[in-house]
Amino acid sequence: MLKRDDAFKTVVKFSTPIVENGKSSLSIGTGFFLAKDDSHLFLITANHVVRKFNANTVVSMAGKSNNVINVTLNQLKTAVNIISHPTADVSAITINIAFFNSLNAAVMIYSPSLIDTNRINSISRDEELTSIGFPNGLGIGALFEPFSFRSYPASNIVKNVQLDNGYVSDVFFLENASCGGYSGCPVIDLGYRVTGLMTQTSNTYIYGVMHGTMSDNTGGKMAVVTPAYYILQII
């Protein structure tokens, strides 16, 4: 079971400098570490984040003193091509374990055992889910301090939804909207509730990967989440 004050160490920030129409900007996304076994370590994120990567993409993660460790993605990943799901908005980046270990980082690494397909398919509207990321690039300064927000599911799994950028996949929705920079972040049940006292209700589970926000001309907004069982199909 992770506390929210520990769970922020599970994520990384992706920063990719982009020049479009003569204007410079940064493409920001979030990812998280997942180890299949002792010899297979991945960074999981949204495919639409990966599509913006270039040779200058920087990965920022937590150091031992809550400082920020910055490395280029090309240093951190292996030469193996990034694996992207053919229809869902999720990708897996294979990590150079020797280089990662040399960083002496303070990151926390998830296990695929935290992805329970049956639990995801029977998601309850009463599940309190936490998303951790870098809205509009905030969360990196002198210290490593990503943002978190809690929300409840607005739906169960909705099958074969047509999303932007051509994705067609199962998704579920959260009552609260996401915002730029959270793309690719983990959506997790930390397994406890705080109601005066902290009460453990279950283990920590990964429910999904943040895709983005659905909105319309009425001003209504909800977050769109790619179910985590798609991760198991690409690692």
C-alpha atoms as a PDB file:
ATOM      1  CA  MET A   1       0.000   0.000   0.000  1.00  0.00           C
ATOM      2  CA  LEU A   2       1.362   3.406  -1.036  1.00  0.00           C
ATOM      3  CA  LYS A   3       0.571   6.677   0.694  1.00  0.00           C
ATOM      4  CA  ARG A   4       0.001   9.677  -1.557  1.00  0.00           C
ATOM      5  CA  ASP A   5       3.172  11.261  -0.197  1.00  0.00           C
ATOM      6  CA  ASP A   6       5.105   8.225  -1.493  1.00  0.00           C
ATOM      7  CA  ALA A   7       3.175   7.611  -4.710  1.00  0.00           C
ATOM      8  CA  PHE A   8       4.544  10.757  -6.342  1.00  0.00           C
ATOM      9  CA  LYS A   9       7.923   8.971  -6.571  1.00  0.00           C
ATOM     10  CA  THR A  10       6.437   6.508  -9.069  1.00  0.00           C
ATOM     11  CA  VAL A  11       6.171   9.018 -11.920  1.00  0.00           C
ATOM     12  CA  VAL A  12       8.510  10.781 -14.334  1.00  0.00           C
ATOM     13  CA  LYS A  13       8.068  13.916 -16.400  1.00  0.00           C
ATOM     14  CA  PHE A  14       8.787  13.929 -20.139  1.00  0.00           C
ATOM     15  CA  SER A  15       9.825  17.282 -21.638  1.00  0.00           C
ATOM     16  CA  THR A  16      10.249  17.505 -25.397  1.00  0.00           C
ATOM     17  CA  PRO A  17      11.269  20.786 -27.066  1.00  0.00           C
ATOM     18  CA  ILE A  18       9.315  21.359 -30.276  1.00  0.00           C
ATOM     19  CA  VAL A  19       9.482  23.997 -32.997  1.00  0.00           C
ATOM     20  CA  GLU A  20       6.266  24.416 -34.990  1.00  0.00           C
ATOM     21  CA  ASN A  21       5.597  27.234 -37.445  1.00  0.00           C
ATOM     22  CA  GLY A  22       8.703  28.994 -36.195  1.00  0.00           C
ATOM     23  CA  LYS A  23       7.537  28.929 -32.563  1.00  0.00           C
ATOM     24  CA  SER A  24       9.276  26.991 -29.786  1.00  0.00           C
ATOM     25  CA  SER A  25       7.344  25.104 -27.120  1.00  0.00           C
ATOM     26  CA  LEU A  26       7.621  22.158 -24.765  1.00  0.00           C
ATOM     27  CA  SER A  27       5.530  19.009 -25.080  1.00  0.00           C
ATOM     28  CA  ILE A  28       4.941  17.687 -21.552  1.00  0.00           C
ATOM     29  CA  GLY A  29       3.807  14.224 -20.533  1.00  0.00           C
ATOM     30  CA  THR A  30       3.956  11.837 -17.597  1.00  0.00           C
ATOM     31  CA  GLY A  31       5.082   8.222 -17.334  1.00  0.00           C
ATOM     32  CA  PHE A  32       5.673   5.597 -14.675  1.00  0.00           C
ATOM     33  CA  PHE A  33       8.045   2.692 -14.142  1.00  0.00           C
ATOM     34  CA  LEU A  34       6.871  -0.906 -14.318  1.00  0.00           C
ATOM     35  CA  ALA A  35       9.142  -3.972 -13.986  1.00  0.00           C
ATOM     36  CA  LYS A  36       8.037  -7.181 -15.686  1.00  0.00           C
ATOM     37  CA  ASP A  37      10.856  -9.044 -13.903  1.00  0.00           C
ATOM     38  CA  ASP A  38      14.458  -8.441 -12.796  1.00  0.00           C
ATOM     39  CA  SER A  39      15.678  -7.992 -16.378  1.00  0.00           C
ATOM     40  CA  HIS A  40      12.766  -6.112 -17.982  1.00  0.00           C
ATOM     41  CA  LEU A  41      12.072  -2.546 -16.848  1.00  0.00           C
ATOM     42  CA  PHE A  42       9.705  -0.236 -18.723  1.00  0.00           C
ATOM     43  CA  LEU A  43       8.442   3.309 -18.669  1.00  0.00           C
ATOM     44  CA  ILE A  44       4.731   3.323 -19.419  1.00  0.00           C
ATOM     45  CA  THR A  45       3.059   6.369 -20.927  1.00  0.00           C
ATOM     46  CA  ALA A  46       0.466   7.422 -23.500  1.00  0.00           C
ATOM     47  CA  ASN A  47       1.245   6.774 -27.143  1.00  0.00           C
ATOM     48  CA  HIS A  48       0.328  10.350 -28.067  1.00  0.00           C
ATOM     49  CA  VAL A  49       3.092  11.514 -25.683  1.00  0.00           C
ATOM     50  CA  VAL A  50       5.588   9.175 -27.361  1.00  0.00           C
ATOM     51  CA  ARG A  51       4.713  10.549 -30.803  1.00  0.00           C
ATOM     52  CA  LYS A  52       6.221  13.910 -29.810  1.00  0.00           C
ATOM     53  CA  PHE A  53       9.544  12.456 -28.608  1.00  0.00           C
ATOM     54  CA  ASN A  54      12.787  13.506 -30.293  1.00  0.00           C
ATOM     55  CA  ALA A  55      16.523  13.350 -29.615  1.00  0.00           C
ATOM     56  CA  ASN A  56      16.203  16.185 -27.065  1.00  0.00           C
ATOM     57  CA  THR A  57      13.482  14.622 -24.893  1.00  0.00           C
ATOM     58  CA  VAL A  58      14.393  14.841 -21.186  1.00  0.00           C
ATOM     59  CA  VAL A  59      13.142  12.531 -18.430  1.00  0.00           C
ATOM     60  CA  SER A  60      12.900  14.016 -14.905  1.00  0.00           C
ATOM     61  CA  MET A  61      12.576  11.768 -11.846  1.00  0.00           C
ATOM     62  CA  ALA A  62      12.920  11.863  -8.056  1.00  0.00           C
ATOM     63  CA  GLY A  63      16.337  11.741  -6.424  1.00  0.00           C
ATOM     64  CA  LYS A  64      17.199  10.482  -2.952  1.00  0.00           C
ATOM     65  CA  SER A  65      16.775  13.900  -1.312  1.00  0.00           C
ATOM     66  CA  ASN A  66      13.656  14.753  -3.293  1.00  0.00           C
ATOM     67  CA  ASN A  67      15.909  16.569  -5.729  1.00  0.00           C
ATOM     68  CA  VAL A  68      15.356  16.302  -9.469  1.00  0.00           C
ATOM     69  CA  ILE A  69      17.362  13.929 -11.670  1.00  0.00           C
ATOM     70  CA  ASN A  70      17.322  14.899 -15.346  1.00  0.00           C
ATOM     71  CA  VAL A  71      18.550  12.587 -18.108  1.00  0.00           C
ATOM     72  CA  THR A  72      17.869  12.401 -21.802  1.00  0.00           C
ATOM     73  CA  LEU A  73      15.482   9.703 -22.901  1.00  0.00           C
ATOM     74  CA  ASN A  74      18.135   8.389 -25.300  1.00  0.00           C
ATOM     75  CA  GLN A  75      20.436   7.746 -22.323  1.00  0.00           C
ATOM     76  CA  LEU A  76      17.732   6.028 -20.315  1.00  0.00           C
ATOM     77  CA  LYS A  77      16.149   3.745 -22.897  1.00  0.00           C
ATOM     78  CA  THR A  78      17.649   0.811 -24.744  1.00  0.00           C
ATOM     79  CA  ALA A  79      17.988   0.604 -28.528  1.00  0.00           C
ATOM     80  CA  VAL A  80      14.817  -1.512 -28.631  1.00  0.00           C
ATOM     81  CA  ASN A  81      11.987   0.277 -30.422  1.00  0.00           C
ATOM     82  CA  ILE A  82       9.257   1.746 -28.226  1.00  0.00           C
ATOM     83  CA  ILE A  83       6.315  -0.657 -28.172  1.00  0.00           C
ATOM     84  CA  SER A  84       2.981   1.039 -28.813  1.00  0.00           C
ATOM     85  CA  HIS A  85      -0.386  -0.655 -28.687  1.00  0.00           C
ATOM     86  CA  PRO A  86      -1.929  -0.810 -32.182  1.00  0.00           C
ATOM     87  CA  THR A  87      -5.270   0.714 -31.147  1.00  0.00           C
ATOM     88  CA  ALA A  88      -5.062   1.937 -27.531  1.00  0.00           C
ATOM     89  CA  ASP A  89      -3.262   5.088 -26.357  1.00  0.00           C
ATOM     90  CA  VAL A  90      -0.485   3.385 -24.403  1.00  0.00           C
ATOM     91  CA  SER A  91       3.216   2.683 -25.015  1.00  0.00           C
ATOM     92  CA  ALA A  92       6.074   0.891 -23.247  1.00  0.00           C
ATOM     93  CA  ILE A  93       9.675   2.154 -23.346  1.00  0.00           C
ATOM     94  CA  THR A  94      12.357  -0.450 -22.574  1.00  0.00           C
ATOM     95  CA  ILE A  95      14.823   0.941 -20.008  1.00  0.00           C
ATOM     96  CA  ASN A  96      18.583   0.400 -19.805  1.00  0.00           C
ATOM     97  CA  ILE A  97      18.678  -1.134 -16.330  1.00  0.00           C
ATOM     98  CA  ALA A  98      22.420  -0.641 -15.800  1.00  0.00           C
ATOM     99  CA  PHE A  99      22.171   3.073 -16.597  1.00  0.00           C
ATOM    100  CA  PHE A 100      19.019   3.431 -14.507  1.00  0.00           C
ATOM    101  CA  ASN A 101      20.731   1.813 -11.494  1.00  0.00           C
ATOM    102  CA  SER A 102      23.694   4.197 -11.853  1.00  0.00           C
ATOM    103  CA  LEU A 103      21.381   7.170 -11.254  1.00  0.00           C
ATOM    104  CA  ASN A 104      20.715   6.167  -7.625  1.00  0.00           C
ATOM    105  CA  ALA A 105      17.189   7.502  -8.059  1.00  0.00           C
ATOM    106  CA  ALA A 106      14.437   7.319  -5.458  1.00  0.00           C
ATOM    107  CA  VAL A 107      11.729   6.206  -7.871  1.00  0.00           C
ATOM    108  CA  MET A 108       9.241   3.518  -6.908  1.00  0.00           C
ATOM    109  CA  ILE A 109       8.554   0.796  -9.457  1.00  0.00           C
ATOM    110  CA  TYR A 110       5.210  -0.896 -10.039  1.00  0.00           C
ATOM    111  CA  SER A 111       4.682  -4.582 -10.747  1.00  0.00           C
ATOM    112  CA  PRO A 112       2.280  -5.976 -13.385  1.00  0.00           C
ATOM    113  CA  SER A 113       0.640  -7.876 -10.517  1.00  0.00           C
ATOM    114  CA  LEU A 114      -1.028  -4.557  -9.602  1.00  0.00           C
ATOM    115  CA  ILE A 115      -2.999  -4.697 -12.866  1.00  0.00           C
ATOM    116  CA  ASP A 116      -6.077  -6.814 -12.175  1.00  0.00           C
ATOM    117  CA  THR A 117      -8.140  -7.145 -15.349  1.00  0.00           C
ATOM    118  CA  ASN A 118     -11.195  -8.513 -13.548  1.00  0.00           C
ATOM    119  CA  ARG A 119     -11.131  -5.631 -11.066  1.00  0.00           C
ATOM    120  CA  ILE A 120     -10.842  -3.085 -13.885  1.00  0.00           C
ATOM    121  CA  ASN A 121     -13.718  -4.660 -15.823  1.00  0.00           C
ATOM    122  CA  SER A 122     -15.933  -4.451 -12.744  1.00  0.00           C
ATOM    123  CA  ILE A 123     -14.820  -0.982 -11.693  1.00  0.00           C
ATOM    124  CA  SER A 124     -17.040   0.537  -9.010  1.00  0.00           C
ATOM    125  CA  ARG A 125     -18.280   4.130  -9.052  1.00  0.00           C
ATOM    126  CA  ASP A 126     -17.197   4.194  -5.392  1.00  0.00           C
ATOM    127  CA  GLU A 127     -13.506   3.615  -6.168  1.00  0.00           C
ATOM    128  CA  GLU A 128     -11.442   6.653  -5.204  1.00  0.00           C
ATOM    129  CA  LEU A 129      -8.754   6.894  -7.881  1.00  0.00           C
ATOM    130  CA  THR A 130      -5.619   9.039  -7.775  1.00  0.00           C
ATOM    131  CA  SER A 131      -3.858  10.530 -10.802  1.00  0.00           C
ATOM    132  CA  ILE A 132      -0.287  11.815 -10.452  1.00  0.00           C
ATOM    133  CA  GLY A 133       1.430  13.993 -13.028  1.00  0.00           C
ATOM    134  CA  PHE A 134       2.628  17.388 -14.194  1.00  0.00           C
ATOM    135  CA  PRO A 135      -0.244  19.713 -15.176  1.00  0.00           C
ATOM    136  CA  ASN A 136       0.992  22.306 -17.661  1.00  0.00           C
ATOM    137  CA  GLY A 137       4.540  21.241 -16.766  1.00  0.00           C
ATOM    138  CA  LEU A 138       4.273  22.192 -13.087  1.00  0.00           C
ATOM    139  CA  GLY A 139       5.791  19.952 -10.415  1.00  0.00           C
ATOM    140  CA  ILE A 140       9.485  20.302 -11.225  1.00  0.00           C
ATOM    141  CA  GLY A 141      11.464  23.054  -9.522  1.00  0.00           C
ATOM    142  CA  ALA A 142      14.138  22.913  -6.870  1.00  0.00           C
ATOM    143  CA  LEU A 143      12.382  19.753  -5.663  1.00  0.00           C
ATOM    144  CA  PHE A 144      10.496  16.930  -7.373  1.00  0.00           C
ATOM    145  CA  GLU A 145       6.845  17.610  -6.506  1.00  0.00           C
ATOM    146  CA  PRO A 146       4.321  16.307  -9.049  1.00  0.00           C
ATOM    147  CA  PHE A 147       0.650  17.061  -8.566  1.00  0.00           C
ATOM    148  CA  SER A 148      -2.054  14.563  -7.636  1.00  0.00           C
ATOM    149  CA  PHE A 149      -5.834  14.683  -7.855  1.00  0.00           C
ATOM    150  CA  ARG A 150      -8.544  12.313  -6.681  1.00  0.00           C
ATOM    151  CA  SER A 151     -11.685  11.447  -8.562  1.00  0.00           C
ATOM    152  CA  TYR A 152     -14.377   8.813  -8.869  1.00  0.00           C
ATOM    153  CA  PRO A 153     -15.228   6.868 -12.027  1.00  0.00           C
ATOM    154  CA  ALA A 154     -18.020   8.432 -14.061  1.00  0.00           C
ATOM    155  CA  SER A 155     -18.507   5.185 -15.985  1.00  0.00           C
ATOM    156  CA  ASN A 156     -17.710   1.533 -16.152  1.00  0.00           C
ATOM    157  CA  ILE A 157     -15.630   0.280 -19.096  1.00  0.00           C
ATOM    158  CA  VAL A 158     -17.011   1.664 -22.362  1.00  0.00           C
ATOM    159  CA  LYS A 159     -16.111  -0.537 -25.338  1.00  0.00           C
ATOM    160  CA  ASN A 160     -14.545   0.549 -28.643  1.00  0.00           C
ATOM    161  CA  VAL A 161     -14.614   4.314 -28.206  1.00  0.00           C
ATOM    162  CA  GLN A 162     -13.315   6.425 -31.101  1.00  0.00           C
ATOM    163  CA  LEU A 163     -10.762   8.835 -29.628  1.00  0.00           C
ATOM    164  CA  ASP A 164      -8.719  11.653 -31.083  1.00  0.00           C
ATOM    165  CA  ASN A 165      -5.594  10.750 -33.084  1.00  0.00           C
ATOM    166  CA  GLY A 166      -7.284   7.633 -34.429  1.00  0.00           C
ATOM    167  CA  TYR A 167      -7.344   5.483 -31.291  1.00  0.00           C
ATOM    168  CA  VAL A 168     -10.221   3.018 -30.935  1.00  0.00           C
ATOM    169  CA  SER A 169     -10.221   1.238 -27.595  1.00  0.00           C
ATOM    170  CA  ASP A 170     -11.986   0.521 -24.353  1.00  0.00           C
ATOM    171  CA  VAL A 171     -11.904   3.485 -21.968  1.00  0.00           C
ATOM    172  CA  PHE A 172     -13.474   4.645 -18.745  1.00  0.00           C
ATOM    173  CA  PHE A 173     -14.225   8.157 -17.568  1.00  0.00           C
ATOM    174  CA  LEU A 174     -13.537  10.099 -14.376  1.00  0.00           C
ATOM    175  CA  GLU A 175     -15.876  12.702 -12.899  1.00  0.00           C
ATOM    176  CA  ASN A 176     -13.101  15.324 -12.842  1.00  0.00           C
ATOM    177  CA  ALA A 177     -11.296  16.577 -15.933  1.00  0.00           C
ATOM    178  CA  SER A 178      -7.618  16.083 -16.630  1.00  0.00           C
ATOM    179  CA  CYS A 179      -5.376  18.816 -18.046  1.00  0.00           C
ATOM    180  CA  GLY A 180      -2.306  19.090 -20.241  1.00  0.00           C
ATOM    181  CA  GLY A 181       0.766  17.378 -18.790  1.00  0.00           C
ATOM    182  CA  TYR A 182      -1.141  14.555 -17.080  1.00  0.00           C
ATOM    183  CA  SER A 183      -1.202  12.514 -20.297  1.00  0.00           C
ATOM    184  CA  GLY A 184       0.373   9.100 -19.683  1.00  0.00           C
ATOM    185  CA  CYS A 185       0.112   9.303 -15.908  1.00  0.00           C
ATOM    186  CA  PRO A 186      -0.973   6.335 -13.760  1.00  0.00           C
ATOM    187  CA  VAL A 187      -4.554   6.248 -12.490  1.00  0.00           C
ATOM    188  CA  ILE A 188      -4.406   4.166  -9.329  1.00  0.00           C
ATOM    189  CA  ASP A 189      -6.385   3.019  -6.334  1.00  0.00           C
ATOM    190  CA  LEU A 190      -3.963   3.531  -3.463  1.00  0.00           C
ATOM    191  CA  GLY A 191      -5.949   1.129  -1.312  1.00  0.00           C
ATOM    192  CA  TYR A 192      -6.921   3.406   1.552  1.00  0.00           C
ATOM    193  CA  ARG A 193      -9.340   6.126   2.559  1.00  0.00           C
ATOM    194  CA  VAL A 194      -8.709   9.086   4.852  1.00  0.00           C
ATOM    195  CA  THR A 195     -11.773   9.876   6.975  1.00  0.00           C
ATOM    196  CA  GLY A 196     -10.204  11.228  10.139  1.00  0.00           C
ATOM    197  CA  LEU A 197      -8.107   8.052  10.336  1.00  0.00           C
ATOM    198  CA  MET A 198      -6.323   6.323   7.468  1.00  0.00           C
ATOM    199  CA  THR A 199      -8.050   3.005   6.756  1.00  0.00           C
ATOM    200  CA  GLN A 200      -6.616   0.383   4.438  1.00  0.00           C
ATOM    201  CA  THR A 201      -9.309  -1.066   2.188  1.00  0.00           C
ATOM    202  CA  SER A 202      -7.234  -3.083  -0.303  1.00  0.00           C
ATOM    203  CA  ASN A 203      -3.846  -3.296  -1.973  1.00  0.00           C
ATOM    204  CA  THR A 204      -2.702  -0.653  -4.431  1.00  0.00           C
ATOM    205  CA  TYR A 205      -4.009  -1.288  -7.959  1.00  0.00           C
ATOM    206  CA  ILE A 206      -3.275   0.344 -11.308  1.00  0.00           C
ATOM    207  CA  TYR A 207      -6.539   1.033 -13.119  1.00  0.00           C
ATOM    208  CA  GLY A 208      -5.363   2.939 -16.138  1.00  0.00           C
ATOM    209  CA  VAL A 209      -3.231   5.412 -18.069  1.00  0.00           C
ATOM    210  CA  MET A 210      -4.502   8.947 -18.539  1.00  0.00           C
ATOM    211  CA  HIS A 211      -5.501   9.734 -22.121  1.00  0.00           C
ATOM    212  CA  GLY A 212      -6.916  13.225 -21.756  1.00  0.00           C
ATOM    213  CA  THR A 213     -10.133  15.190 -21.371  1.00  0.00           C
ATOM    214  CA  MET A 214     -13.492  14.889 -23.111  1.00  0.00           C
ATOM    215  CA  SER A 215     -15.322  18.208 -23.379  1.00  0.00           C
ATOM    216  CA  ASP A 216     -18.171  19.801 -25.305  1.00  0.00           C
ATOM    217  CA  ASN A 217     -19.597  23.237 -26.018  1.00  0.00           C
ATOM    218  CA  THR A 218     -21.599  23.261 -22.772  1.00  0.00           C
ATOM    219  CA  GLY A 219     -18.382  23.436 -20.764  1.00  0.00           C
ATOM    220  CA  GLY A 220     -18.747  19.924 -19.400  1.00  0.00           C
ATOM    221  CA  LYS A 221     -15.508  17.992 -18.975  1.00  0.00           C
ATOM    222  CA  MET A 222     -14.458  14.497 -17.849  1.00  0.00           C
ATOM    223  CA  ALA A 223     -11.124  12.698 -17.893  1.00  0.00           C
ATOM    224  CA  VAL A 224     -10.681   9.800 -20.335  1.00  0.00           C
ATOM    225  CA  VAL A 225      -8.600   6.837 -19.121  1.00  0.00           C
ATOM    226  CA  THR A 226      -7.123   3.916 -21.060  1.00  0.00           C
ATOM    227  CA  PRO A 227      -7.624   0.715 -19.003  1.00  0.00           C
ATOM    228  CA  ALA A 228      -4.379  -0.704 -17.636  1.00  0.00           C
ATOM    229  CA  TYR A 229      -5.009  -4.175 -19.061  1.00  0.00           C
ATOM    230  CA  TYR A 230      -3.698  -2.853 -22.395  1.00  0.00           C
ATOM    231  CA  ILE A 231      -0.270  -2.519 -20.744  1.00  0.00           C
ATOM    232  CA  LEU A 232      -0.164  -6.292 -20.275  1.00  0.00           C
ATOM    233  CA  GLN A 233      -0.566  -6.719 -24.040  1.00  0.00           C
ATOM    234  CA  ILE A 234       2.641  -4.795 -24.898  1.00  0.00           C
ATOM    235  CA  ILE A 235       5.195  -5.731 -22.235  1.00  0.00           C
END
